[in-house]
All heavy atoms as atom14 arrays in JSON, in Angstrom:
{
  "sequence": "PLAESNAMLLHLAEGTALLPADSYDRALCYQWLFFEQYSHEPVIAVA",
  "atom14_mask": [
    [1, 1, 1, 1, 1, 1, 1, 0, 0, 0, 0, 0, 0, 0],
    [1, 1, 1, 1, 1, 1, 1, 1, 0, 0, 0, 0, 0, 0],
    [1, 1, 1, 1, 1, 0, 0, 0, 0, 0, 0, 0, 0, 0],
    [1, 1, 1, 1, 1, 1, 1, 1, 1, 0, 0, 0, 0, 0],
    [1, 1, 1, 1, 1, 1, 0, 0, 0, 0, 0, 0, 0, 0],
    [1, 1, 1, 1, 1, 1, 1, 1, 0, 0, 0, 0, 0, 0],
    [1, 1, 1, 1, 1, 0, 0, 0, 0, 0, 0, 0, 0, 0],
    [1, 1, 1, 1, 1, 1, 1, 1, 0, 0, 0, 0, 0, 0],
    [1, 1, 1, 1, 1, 1, 1, 1, 0, 0, 0, 0, 0, 0],
    [1, 1, 1, 1, 1, 1, 1, 1, 0, 0, 0, 0, 0, 0],
    [1, 1, 1, 1, 1, 1, 1, 1, 1, 1, 0, 0, 0, 0],
    [1, 1, 1, 1, 1, 1, 1, 1, 0, 0, 0, 0, 0, 0],
    [1, 1, 1, 1, 1, 0, 0, 0, 0, 0, 0, 0, 0, 0],
    [1, 1, 1, 1, 1, 1, 1, 1, 1, 0, 0, 0, 0, 0],
    [1, 1, 1, 1, 0, 0, 0, 0, 0, 0, 0, 0, 0, 0],
    [1, 1, 1, 1, 1, 1, 1, 0, 0, 0, 0, 0, 0, 0],
    [1, 1, 1, 1, 1, 0, 0, 0, 0, 0, 0, 0, 0, 0],
    [1, 1, 1, 1, 1, 1, 1, 1, 0, 0, 0, 0, 0, 0],
    [1, 1, 1, 1, 1, 1, 1, 1, 0, 0, 0, 0, 0, 0],
    [1, 1, 1, 1, 1, 1, 1, 0, 0, 0, 0, 0, 0, 0],
    [1, 1, 1, 1, 1, 0, 0, 0, 0, 0, 0, 0, 0, 0],
    [1, 1, 1, 1, 1, 1, 1, 1, 0, 0, 0, 0, 0, 0],
    [1, 1, 1, 1, 1, 1, 0, 0, 0, 0, 0, 0, 0, 0],
    [1, 1, 1, 1, 1, 1, 1, 1, 1, 1, 1, 1, 0, 0],
    [1, 1, 1, 1, 1, 1, 1, 1, 0, 0, 0, 0, 0, 0],
    [1, 1, 1, 1, 1, 1, 1, 1, 1, 1, 1, 0, 0, 0],
    [1, 1, 1, 1, 1, 0, 0, 0, 0, 0, 0, 0, 0, 0],
    [1, 1, 1, 1, 1, 1, 1, 1, 0, 0, 0, 0, 0, 0],
    [1, 1, 1, 1, 1, 1, 0, 0, 0, 0, 0, 0, 0, 0],
    [1, 1, 1, 1, 1, 1, 1, 1, 1, 1, 1, 1, 0, 0],
    [1, 1, 1, 1, 1, 1, 1, 1, 1, 0, 0, 0, 0, 0],
    [1, 1, 1, 1, 1, 1, 1, 1, 1, 1, 1, 1, 1, 1],
    [1, 1, 1, 1, 1, 1, 1, 1, 0, 0, 0, 0, 0, 0],
    [1, 1, 1, 1, 1, 1, 1, 1, 1, 1, 1, 0, 0, 0],
    [1, 1, 1, 1, 1, 1, 1, 1, 1, 1, 1, 0, 0, 0],
    [1, 1, 1, 1, 1, 1, 1, 1, 1, 0, 0, 0, 0, 0],
    [1, 1, 1, 1, 1, 1, 1, 1, 1, 0, 0, 0, 0, 0],
    [1, 1, 1, 1, 1, 1, 1, 1, 1, 1, 1, 1, 0, 0],
    [1, 1, 1, 1, 1, 1, 0, 0, 0, 0, 0, 0, 0, 0],
    [1, 1, 1, 1, 1, 1, 1, 1, 1, 1, 0, 0, 0, 0],
    [1, 1, 1, 1, 1, 1, 1, 1, 1, 0, 0, 0, 0, 0],
    [1, 1, 1, 1, 1, 1, 1, 0, 0, 0, 0, 0, 0, 0],
    [1, 1, 1, 1, 1, 1, 1, 0, 0, 0, 0, 0, 0, 0],
    [1, 1, 1, 1, 1, 1, 1, 1, 0, 0, 0, 0, 0, 0],
    [1, 1, 1, 1, 1, 0, 0, 0, 0, 0, 0, 0, 0, 0],
    [1, 1, 1, 1, 1, 1, 1, 0, 0, 0, 0, 0, 0, 0],
    [1, 1, 1, 1, 1, 0, 0, 0, 0, 0, 0, 0, 0, 0]
  ],
  "atom14_positions": [
    [[-2.14, 59.15, 33.04], [-1.57, 60.46, 33.3], [-0.74, 60.36, 34.64], [-1.08, 59.67, 35.54], [-2.81, 61.31, 33.57], [-3.85, 60.35, 34.05], [-3.58, 58.98, 33.47], [0.0, 0.0, 0.0], [0.0, 0.0, 0.0], [0.0, 0.0, 0.0], [0.0, 0.0, 0.0], [0.0, 0.0, 0.0], [0.0, 0.0, 0.0], [0.0, 0.0, 0.0]],
    [[0.25, 61.19, 34.79], [1.04, 61.25, 35.86], [1.37, 62.75, 36.14], [1.9, 63.45, 35.29], [2.4, 60.57, 35.71], [3.35, 60.53, 36.92], [2.73, 59.81, 38.06], [4.6, 59.79, 36.49], [0.0, 0.0, 0.0], [0.0, 0.0, 0.0], [0.0, 0.0, 0.0], [0.0, 0.0, 0.0], [0.0, 0.0, 0.0], [0.0, 0.0, 0.0]],
    [[0.95, 63.29, 37.23], [1.22, 64.62, 37.66], [2.41, 64.77, 38.66], [2.86, 63.75, 39.09], [-0.08, 65.29, 38.3], [0.0, 0.0, 0.0], [0.0, 0.0, 0.0], [0.0, 0.0, 0.0], [0.0, 0.0, 0.0], [0.0, 0.0, 0.0], [0.0, 0.0, 0.0], [0.0, 0.0, 0.0], [0.0, 0.0, 0.0], [0.0, 0.0, 0.0]],
    [[2.82, 66.03, 38.98], [3.86, 66.35, 39.92], [5.23, 66.03, 39.29], [5.56, 64.94, 38.94], [3.72, 65.66, 41.25], [2.47, 65.91, 41.94], [2.32, 67.37, 42.26], [3.33, 68.1, 42.45], [1.14, 67.9, 42.35], [0.0, 0.0, 0.0], [0.0, 0.0, 0.0], [0.0, 0.0, 0.0], [0.0, 0.0, 0.0], [0.0, 0.0, 0.0]],
    [[5.97, 67.15, 39.14], [7.21, 66.99, 38.29], [8.25, 66.03, 38.83], [8.9, 65.22, 38.14], [7.9, 68.36, 38.22], [8.17, 68.91, 39.43], [0.0, 0.0, 0.0], [0.0, 0.0, 0.0], [0.0, 0.0, 0.0], [0.0, 0.0, 0.0], [0.0, 0.0, 0.0], [0.0, 0.0, 0.0], [0.0, 0.0, 0.0], [0.0, 0.0, 0.0]],
    [[8.37, 65.95, 40.27], [9.33, 65.02, 40.81], [8.92, 63.57, 40.71], [9.73, 62.6, 40.58], [9.72, 65.36, 42.12], [10.52, 66.71, 42.14], [10.94, 67.17, 41.11], [10.84, 67.24, 43.29], [0.0, 0.0, 0.0], [0.0, 0.0, 0.0], [0.0, 0.0, 0.0], [0.0, 0.0, 0.0], [0.0, 0.0, 0.0], [0.0, 0.0, 0.0]],
    [[7.62, 63.27, 40.68], [7.06, 61.98, 40.42], [7.46, 61.53, 39.07], [7.78, 60.4, 38.78], [5.6, 61.93, 40.66], [0.0, 0.0, 0.0], [0.0, 0.0, 0.0], [0.0, 0.0, 0.0], [0.0, 0.0, 0.0], [0.0, 0.0, 0.0], [0.0, 0.0, 0.0], [0.0, 0.0, 0.0], [0.0, 0.0, 0.0], [0.0, 0.0, 0.0]],
    [[7.33, 62.51, 38.08], [7.6, 62.14, 36.71], [9.11, 61.76, 36.59], [9.47, 60.83, 35.85], [7.34, 63.41, 35.77], [5.89, 63.71, 35.68], [5.75, 65.35, 34.78], [4.11, 65.84, 35.37], [0.0, 0.0, 0.0], [0.0, 0.0, 0.0], [0.0, 0.0, 0.0], [0.0, 0.0, 0.0], [0.0, 0.0, 0.0], [0.0, 0.0, 0.0]],
    [[9.99, 62.52, 37.28], [11.41, 62.27, 37.25], [11.64, 60.79, 37.78], [12.41, 60.03, 37.12], [12.12, 63.26, 38.07], [12.23, 64.6, 37.54], [13.06, 65.58, 38.52], [12.82, 64.72, 36.14], [0.0, 0.0, 0.0], [0.0, 0.0, 0.0], [0.0, 0.0, 0.0], [0.0, 0.0, 0.0], [0.0, 0.0, 0.0], [0.0, 0.0, 0.0]],
    [[11.0, 60.43, 38.79], [11.23, 59.08, 39.42], [10.67, 58.11, 38.44], [11.32, 56.96, 38.28], [10.53, 58.99, 40.74], [11.2, 59.77, 41.88], [10.25, 59.73, 43.09], [12.62, 59.26, 42.2], [0.0, 0.0, 0.0], [0.0, 0.0, 0.0], [0.0, 0.0, 0.0], [0.0, 0.0, 0.0], [0.0, 0.0, 0.0], [0.0, 0.0, 0.0]],
    [[9.47, 58.26, 37.8], [9.03, 57.35, 36.92], [9.97, 57.16, 35.66], [10.29, 56.01, 35.28], [7.57, 57.68, 36.4], [7.16, 56.88, 35.26], [6.63, 55.56, 35.38], [7.05, 57.21, 33.89], [6.36, 55.16, 34.21], [6.61, 56.07, 33.34], [0.0, 0.0, 0.0], [0.0, 0.0, 0.0], [0.0, 0.0, 0.0], [0.0, 0.0, 0.0]],
    [[10.39, 58.32, 35.12], [11.21, 58.17, 33.91], [12.61, 57.5, 34.3], [13.13, 56.82, 33.37], [11.42, 59.58, 33.36], [10.15, 60.23, 32.78], [10.39, 61.76, 32.58], [9.72, 59.66, 31.41], [0.0, 0.0, 0.0], [0.0, 0.0, 0.0], [0.0, 0.0, 0.0], [0.0, 0.0, 0.0], [0.0, 0.0, 0.0], [0.0, 0.0, 0.0]],
    [[13.11, 57.79, 35.44], [14.42, 57.32, 35.75], [14.48, 55.87, 36.22], [15.6, 55.32, 36.37], [15.03, 58.23, 36.82], [0.0, 0.0, 0.0], [0.0, 0.0, 0.0], [0.0, 0.0, 0.0], [0.0, 0.0, 0.0], [0.0, 0.0, 0.0], [0.0, 0.0, 0.0], [0.0, 0.0, 0.0], [0.0, 0.0, 0.0], [0.0, 0.0, 0.0]],
    [[13.36, 55.28, 36.45], [13.28, 53.88, 37.01], [14.17, 52.95, 36.12], [14.02, 52.85, 34.97], [11.9, 53.41, 37.1], [11.76, 52.04, 37.87], [12.18, 52.13, 39.32], [11.77, 53.16, 39.93], [12.7, 51.22, 39.84], [0.0, 0.0, 0.0], [0.0, 0.0, 0.0], [0.0, 0.0, 0.0], [0.0, 0.0, 0.0], [0.0, 0.0, 0.0]],
    [[15.12, 52.31, 36.73], [16.02, 51.27, 36.06], [17.07, 51.94, 35.23], [17.68, 51.29, 34.37], [0.0, 0.0, 0.0], [0.0, 0.0, 0.0], [0.0, 0.0, 0.0], [0.0, 0.0, 0.0], [0.0, 0.0, 0.0], [0.0, 0.0, 0.0], [0.0, 0.0, 0.0], [0.0, 0.0, 0.0], [0.0, 0.0, 0.0], [0.0, 0.0, 0.0]],
    [[17.29, 53.18, 35.37], [18.33, 54.01, 34.7], [19.42, 54.48, 35.68], [19.25, 54.49, 36.91], [17.79, 55.1, 33.78], [17.61, 56.24, 34.75], [16.54, 54.77, 33.03], [0.0, 0.0, 0.0], [0.0, 0.0, 0.0], [0.0, 0.0, 0.0], [0.0, 0.0, 0.0], [0.0, 0.0, 0.0], [0.0, 0.0, 0.0], [0.0, 0.0, 0.0]],
    [[20.49, 55.07, 35.1], [21.6, 55.63, 35.91], [21.09, 56.87, 36.59], [21.85, 57.45, 37.43], [22.79, 55.88, 35.05], [0.0, 0.0, 0.0], [0.0, 0.0, 0.0], [0.0, 0.0, 0.0], [0.0, 0.0, 0.0], [0.0, 0.0, 0.0], [0.0, 0.0, 0.0], [0.0, 0.0, 0.0], [0.0, 0.0, 0.0], [0.0, 0.0, 0.0]],
    [[20.0, 57.39, 36.25], [19.51, 58.67, 36.82], [18.9, 58.42, 38.21], [18.54, 59.5, 38.85], [18.55, 59.46, 35.98], [19.12, 60.0, 34.62], [18.12, 60.9, 33.87], [20.42, 60.86, 34.91], [0.0, 0.0, 0.0], [0.0, 0.0, 0.0], [0.0, 0.0, 0.0], [0.0, 0.0, 0.0], [0.0, 0.0, 0.0], [0.0, 0.0, 0.0]],
    [[18.71, 57.18, 38.56], [18.12, 56.88, 39.85], [19.18, 55.92, 40.53], [19.42, 54.79, 40.08], [16.74, 56.19, 39.73], [15.95, 56.15, 41.02], [15.75, 57.59, 41.62], [14.61, 55.49, 40.75], [0.0, 0.0, 0.0], [0.0, 0.0, 0.0], [0.0, 0.0, 0.0], [0.0, 0.0, 0.0], [0.0, 0.0, 0.0], [0.0, 0.0, 0.0]],
    [[19.85, 56.35, 41.63], [20.88, 55.52, 42.15], [20.42, 54.15, 42.59], [19.3, 53.92, 43.1], [21.31, 56.25, 43.45], [20.9, 57.75, 43.08], [19.7, 57.62, 42.39], [0.0, 0.0, 0.0], [0.0, 0.0, 0.0], [0.0, 0.0, 0.0], [0.0, 0.0, 0.0], [0.0, 0.0, 0.0], [0.0, 0.0, 0.0], [0.0, 0.0, 0.0]],
    [[21.27, 53.16, 42.35], [20.91, 51.73, 42.7], [21.19, 51.46, 44.16], [20.51, 50.71, 44.78], [21.79, 50.72, 41.88], [0.0, 0.0, 0.0], [0.0, 0.0, 0.0], [0.0, 0.0, 0.0], [0.0, 0.0, 0.0], [0.0, 0.0, 0.0], [0.0, 0.0, 0.0], [0.0, 0.0, 0.0], [0.0, 0.0, 0.0], [0.0, 0.0, 0.0]],
    [[22.2, 52.11, 44.82], [22.52, 52.02, 46.19], [21.39, 52.54, 47.0], [20.84, 53.63, 46.73], [23.8, 52.68, 46.5], [24.15, 52.66, 47.94], [24.68, 51.7, 48.42], [23.8, 53.72, 48.65], [0.0, 0.0, 0.0], [0.0, 0.0, 0.0], [0.0, 0.0, 0.0], [0.0, 0.0, 0.0], [0.0, 0.0, 0.0], [0.0, 0.0, 0.0]],
    [[20.97, 51.79, 48.05], [19.75, 52.13, 48.8], [19.96, 53.53, 49.49], [19.06, 54.42, 49.6], [19.3, 51.11, 49.78], [20.41, 50.91, 50.72], [0.0, 0.0, 0.0], [0.0, 0.0, 0.0], [0.0, 0.0, 0.0], [0.0, 0.0, 0.0], [0.0, 0.0, 0.0], [0.0, 0.0, 0.0], [0.0, 0.0, 0.0], [0.0, 0.0, 0.0]],
    [[21.13, 53.75, 50.07], [21.35, 55.05, 50.77], [21.41, 56.21, 49.73], [20.76, 57.3, 49.97], [22.68, 55.04, 51.54], [22.86, 56.37, 52.17], [22.19, 56.66, 53.28], [23.93, 57.21, 51.73], [22.38, 57.96, 53.94], [24.15, 58.41, 52.34], [23.39, 58.8, 53.5], [23.59, 60.03, 54.08], [0.0, 0.0, 0.0], [0.0, 0.0, 0.0]],
    [[22.15, 55.94, 48.56], [22.16, 57.03, 47.68], [20.75, 57.4, 47.08], [20.4, 58.51, 46.77], [23.05, 56.7, 46.42], [24.52, 56.76, 46.9], [24.81, 57.35, 48.01], [25.34, 56.22, 46.27], [0.0, 0.0, 0.0], [0.0, 0.0, 0.0], [0.0, 0.0, 0.0], [0.0, 0.0, 0.0], [0.0, 0.0, 0.0], [0.0, 0.0, 0.0]],
    [[19.98, 56.26, 46.92], [18.6, 56.54, 46.43], [17.72, 57.26, 47.45], [17.01, 58.2, 47.07], [17.93, 55.16, 46.13], [16.45, 55.26, 45.6], [15.87, 53.91, 45.35], [16.47, 53.23, 44.23], [15.87, 52.9, 43.18], [14.62, 53.16, 42.96], [16.46, 52.29, 42.2], [0.0, 0.0, 0.0], [0.0, 0.0, 0.0], [0.0, 0.0, 0.0]],
    [[17.96, 56.98, 48.77], [17.34, 57.75, 49.71], [17.77, 59.29, 49.72], [16.92, 60.11, 50.01], [17.59, 57.14, 51.13], [0.0, 0.0, 0.0], [0.0, 0.0, 0.0], [0.0, 0.0, 0.0], [0.0, 0.0, 0.0], [0.0, 0.0, 0.0], [0.0, 0.0, 0.0], [0.0, 0.0, 0.0], [0.0, 0.0, 0.0], [0.0, 0.0, 0.0]],
    [[18.96, 59.44, 49.52], [19.5, 60.86, 49.38], [18.76, 61.57, 48.15], [18.46, 62.68, 48.28], [21.02, 60.89, 49.11], [21.88, 60.69, 50.34], [23.37, 60.76, 49.92], [21.66, 61.87, 51.29], [0.0, 0.0, 0.0], [0.0, 0.0, 0.0], [0.0, 0.0, 0.0], [0.0, 0.0, 0.0], [0.0, 0.0, 0.0], [0.0, 0.0, 0.0]],
    [[18.63, 60.77, 47.16], [17.89, 61.35, 46.0], [16.48, 61.79, 46.42], [16.13, 62.88, 45.98], [17.94, 60.26, 44.82], [17.15, 60.85, 43.27], [0.0, 0.0, 0.0], [0.0, 0.0, 0.0], [0.0, 0.0, 0.0], [0.0, 0.0, 0.0], [0.0, 0.0, 0.0], [0.0, 0.0, 0.0], [0.0, 0.0, 0.0], [0.0, 0.0, 0.0]],
    [[15.79, 61.03, 47.09], [14.41, 61.35, 47.54], [14.58, 62.51, 48.57], [13.75, 63.41, 48.43], [13.78, 60.1, 48.28], [13.5, 58.89, 47.47], [13.39, 57.67, 48.15], [13.35, 58.99, 46.16], [13.19, 56.55, 47.39], [13.12, 57.82, 45.37], [13.05, 56.61, 45.99], [12.81, 55.49, 45.23], [0.0, 0.0, 0.0], [0.0, 0.0, 0.0]],
    [[15.57, 62.54, 49.36], [15.71, 63.63, 50.27], [15.76, 64.88, 49.58], [15.03, 65.93, 49.94], [17.02, 63.44, 51.22], [17.45, 64.62, 51.97], [18.75, 64.48, 52.56], [18.97, 63.5, 53.3], [19.65, 65.3, 52.2], [0.0, 0.0, 0.0], [0.0, 0.0, 0.0], [0.0, 0.0, 0.0], [0.0, 0.0, 0.0], [0.0, 0.0, 0.0]],
    [[16.61, 65.01, 48.57], [16.76, 66.28, 47.83], [15.56, 66.65, 46.93], [15.29, 67.73, 46.8], [18.1, 66.18, 47.0], [19.3, 66.34, 47.84], [20.21, 65.35, 48.17], [19.7, 67.48, 48.55], [21.17, 65.82, 49.05], [20.88, 67.12, 49.26], [19.23, 68.77, 48.67], [21.65, 68.06, 50.08], [19.97, 69.72, 49.47], [21.11, 69.33, 50.17]],
    [[14.88, 65.55, 46.51], [13.62, 65.8, 45.78], [12.55, 66.49, 46.7], [11.82, 67.53, 46.26], [13.02, 64.56, 45.12], [13.84, 63.94, 43.99], [13.25, 62.56, 43.64], [13.92, 64.87, 42.78], [0.0, 0.0, 0.0], [0.0, 0.0, 0.0], [0.0, 0.0, 0.0], [0.0, 0.0, 0.0], [0.0, 0.0, 0.0], [0.0, 0.0, 0.0]],
    [[12.5, 65.96, 47.85], [11.55, 66.52, 48.86], [12.0, 67.92, 49.26], [11.2, 68.88, 49.32], [11.38, 65.75, 50.05], [10.95, 64.27, 49.87], [11.41, 63.24, 50.66], [10.02, 64.02, 48.88], [10.88, 61.9, 50.44], [9.56, 62.74, 48.69], [10.01, 61.67, 49.39], [0.0, 0.0, 0.0], [0.0, 0.0, 0.0], [0.0, 0.0, 0.0]],
    [[13.3, 68.15, 49.35], [13.8, 69.43, 49.73], [13.5, 70.42, 48.62], [13.08, 71.61, 48.95], [15.37, 69.3, 49.94], [16.08, 70.63, 49.99], [16.32, 71.24, 51.2], [16.7, 71.18, 48.94], [17.04, 72.43, 51.39], [17.41, 72.38, 48.98], [17.59, 73.0, 50.22], [0.0, 0.0, 0.0], [0.0, 0.0, 0.0], [0.0, 0.0, 0.0]],
    [[13.6, 70.02, 47.44], [13.36, 70.94, 46.33], [11.98, 71.46, 46.34], [11.67, 72.62, 46.07], [13.64, 70.21, 44.99], [13.72, 71.11, 43.7], [12.39, 71.2, 43.06], [11.45, 70.23, 43.26], [12.1, 72.16, 42.39], [0.0, 0.0, 0.0], [0.0, 0.0, 0.0], [0.0, 0.0, 0.0], [0.0, 0.0, 0.0], [0.0, 0.0, 0.0]],
    [[10.98, 70.49, 46.56], [9.65, 70.92, 46.49], [9.17, 71.58, 47.83], [8.32, 72.59, 47.79], [8.8, 69.72, 46.3], [8.71, 69.2, 44.92], [8.01, 70.19, 43.94], [6.79, 70.29, 43.93], [8.78, 70.91, 43.18], [0.0, 0.0, 0.0], [0.0, 0.0, 0.0], [0.0, 0.0, 0.0], [0.0, 0.0, 0.0], [0.0, 0.0, 0.0]],
    [[9.73, 71.2, 48.98], [9.19, 71.89, 50.26], [9.93, 73.1, 50.6], [9.39, 74.09, 51.11], [9.39, 70.82, 51.35], [8.77, 71.28, 52.69], [7.44, 71.18, 52.81], [9.62, 71.81, 53.65], [6.91, 71.65, 54.11], [9.09, 72.15, 54.85], [7.72, 72.19, 55.06], [7.19, 72.61, 56.28], [0.0, 0.0, 0.0], [0.0, 0.0, 0.0]],
    [[11.28, 73.16, 50.34], [12.09, 74.35, 50.81], [12.55, 75.31, 49.62], [12.54, 76.52, 49.78], [13.35, 73.81, 51.52], [12.94, 73.13, 52.64], [0.0, 0.0, 0.0], [0.0, 0.0, 0.0], [0.0, 0.0, 0.0], [0.0, 0.0, 0.0], [0.0, 0.0, 0.0], [0.0, 0.0, 0.0], [0.0, 0.0, 0.0], [0.0, 0.0, 0.0]],
    [[12.82, 74.71, 48.52], [13.51, 75.47, 47.37], [12.4, 76.09, 46.48], [12.34, 77.31, 46.31], [14.37, 74.43, 46.56], [15.16, 75.0, 45.49], [14.61, 75.35, 44.21], [16.45, 75.23, 45.38], [15.62, 75.88, 43.48], [16.74, 75.78, 44.14], [0.0, 0.0, 0.0], [0.0, 0.0, 0.0], [0.0, 0.0, 0.0], [0.0, 0.0, 0.0]],
    [[11.58, 75.32, 45.99], [10.51, 75.77, 45.01], [9.6, 76.9, 45.61], [9.28, 77.84, 44.9], [9.71, 74.51, 44.42], [8.89, 74.84, 43.26], [7.49, 75.37, 43.51], [7.15, 75.37, 44.74], [6.81, 75.66, 42.6], [0.0, 0.0, 0.0], [0.0, 0.0, 0.0], [0.0, 0.0, 0.0], [0.0, 0.0, 0.0], [0.0, 0.0, 0.0]],
    [[9.16, 76.69, 46.85], [8.22, 77.78, 47.35], [8.75, 79.17, 47.51], [7.95, 80.11, 47.59], [7.81, 77.13, 48.71], [8.1, 75.64, 48.62], [9.24, 75.6, 47.77], [0.0, 0.0, 0.0], [0.0, 0.0, 0.0], [0.0, 0.0, 0.0], [0.0, 0.0, 0.0], [0.0, 0.0, 0.0], [0.0, 0.0, 0.0], [0.0, 0.0, 0.0]],
    [[10.1, 79.27, 47.47], [10.68, 80.62, 47.54], [11.39, 81.03, 46.2], [11.09, 82.11, 45.78], [11.64, 80.83, 48.75], [10.81, 80.87, 50.08], [12.63, 79.67, 48.82], [0.0, 0.0, 0.0], [0.0, 0.0, 0.0], [0.0, 0.0, 0.0], [0.0, 0.0, 0.0], [0.0, 0.0, 0.0], [0.0, 0.0, 0.0], [0.0, 0.0, 0.0]],
    [[12.17, 80.19, 45.65], [12.91, 80.63, 44.49], [12.0, 80.6, 43.26], [11.97, 81.52, 42.47], [14.16, 79.66, 44.3], [15.09, 79.95, 45.55], [14.81, 79.99, 42.97], [16.32, 79.09, 45.54], [0.0, 0.0, 0.0], [0.0, 0.0, 0.0], [0.0, 0.0, 0.0], [0.0, 0.0, 0.0], [0.0, 0.0, 0.0], [0.0, 0.0, 0.0]],
    [[11.29, 79.47, 43.08], [10.34, 79.46, 41.88], [9.25, 80.44, 42.02], [8.88, 81.14, 40.96], [9.86, 78.09, 41.71], [0.0, 0.0, 0.0], [0.0, 0.0, 0.0], [0.0, 0.0, 0.0], [0.0, 0.0, 0.0], [0.0, 0.0, 0.0], [0.0, 0.0, 0.0], [0.0, 0.0, 0.0], [0.0, 0.0, 0.0], [0.0, 0.0, 0.0]],
    [[8.69, 80.54, 43.13], [7.58, 81.43, 43.35], [8.02, 82.94, 43.22], [7.3, 83.7, 42.49], [6.88, 81.22, 44.72], [5.85, 82.31, 45.05], [6.17, 79.8, 44.75], [0.0, 0.0, 0.0], [0.0, 0.0, 0.0], [0.0, 0.0, 0.0], [0.0, 0.0, 0.0], [0.0, 0.0, 0.0], [0.0, 0.0, 0.0], [0.0, 0.0, 0.0]],
    [[9.13, 83.26, 43.74], [9.66, 84.57, 43.53], [9.96, 84.85, 42.1], [9.6, 85.95, 41.56], [11.0, 84.82, 44.38], [0.0, 0.0, 0.0], [0.0, 0.0, 0.0], [0.0, 0.0, 0.0], [0.0, 0.0, 0.0], [0.0, 0.0, 0.0], [0.0, 0.0, 0.0], [0.0, 0.0, 0.0], [0.0, 0.0, 0.0], [0.0, 0.0, 0.0]]
  ]
}
């Protein structure tokens, strides 16, 4: 089993074009995934 929606996205995207190969772009991907859960979801999804 795998919980947490963004962890699922990272697992499913491993080795595909949905997860950037470039190390900086991949870090940006993580940055926005963390932003989504920490800043975006708690106000927009909760509301």
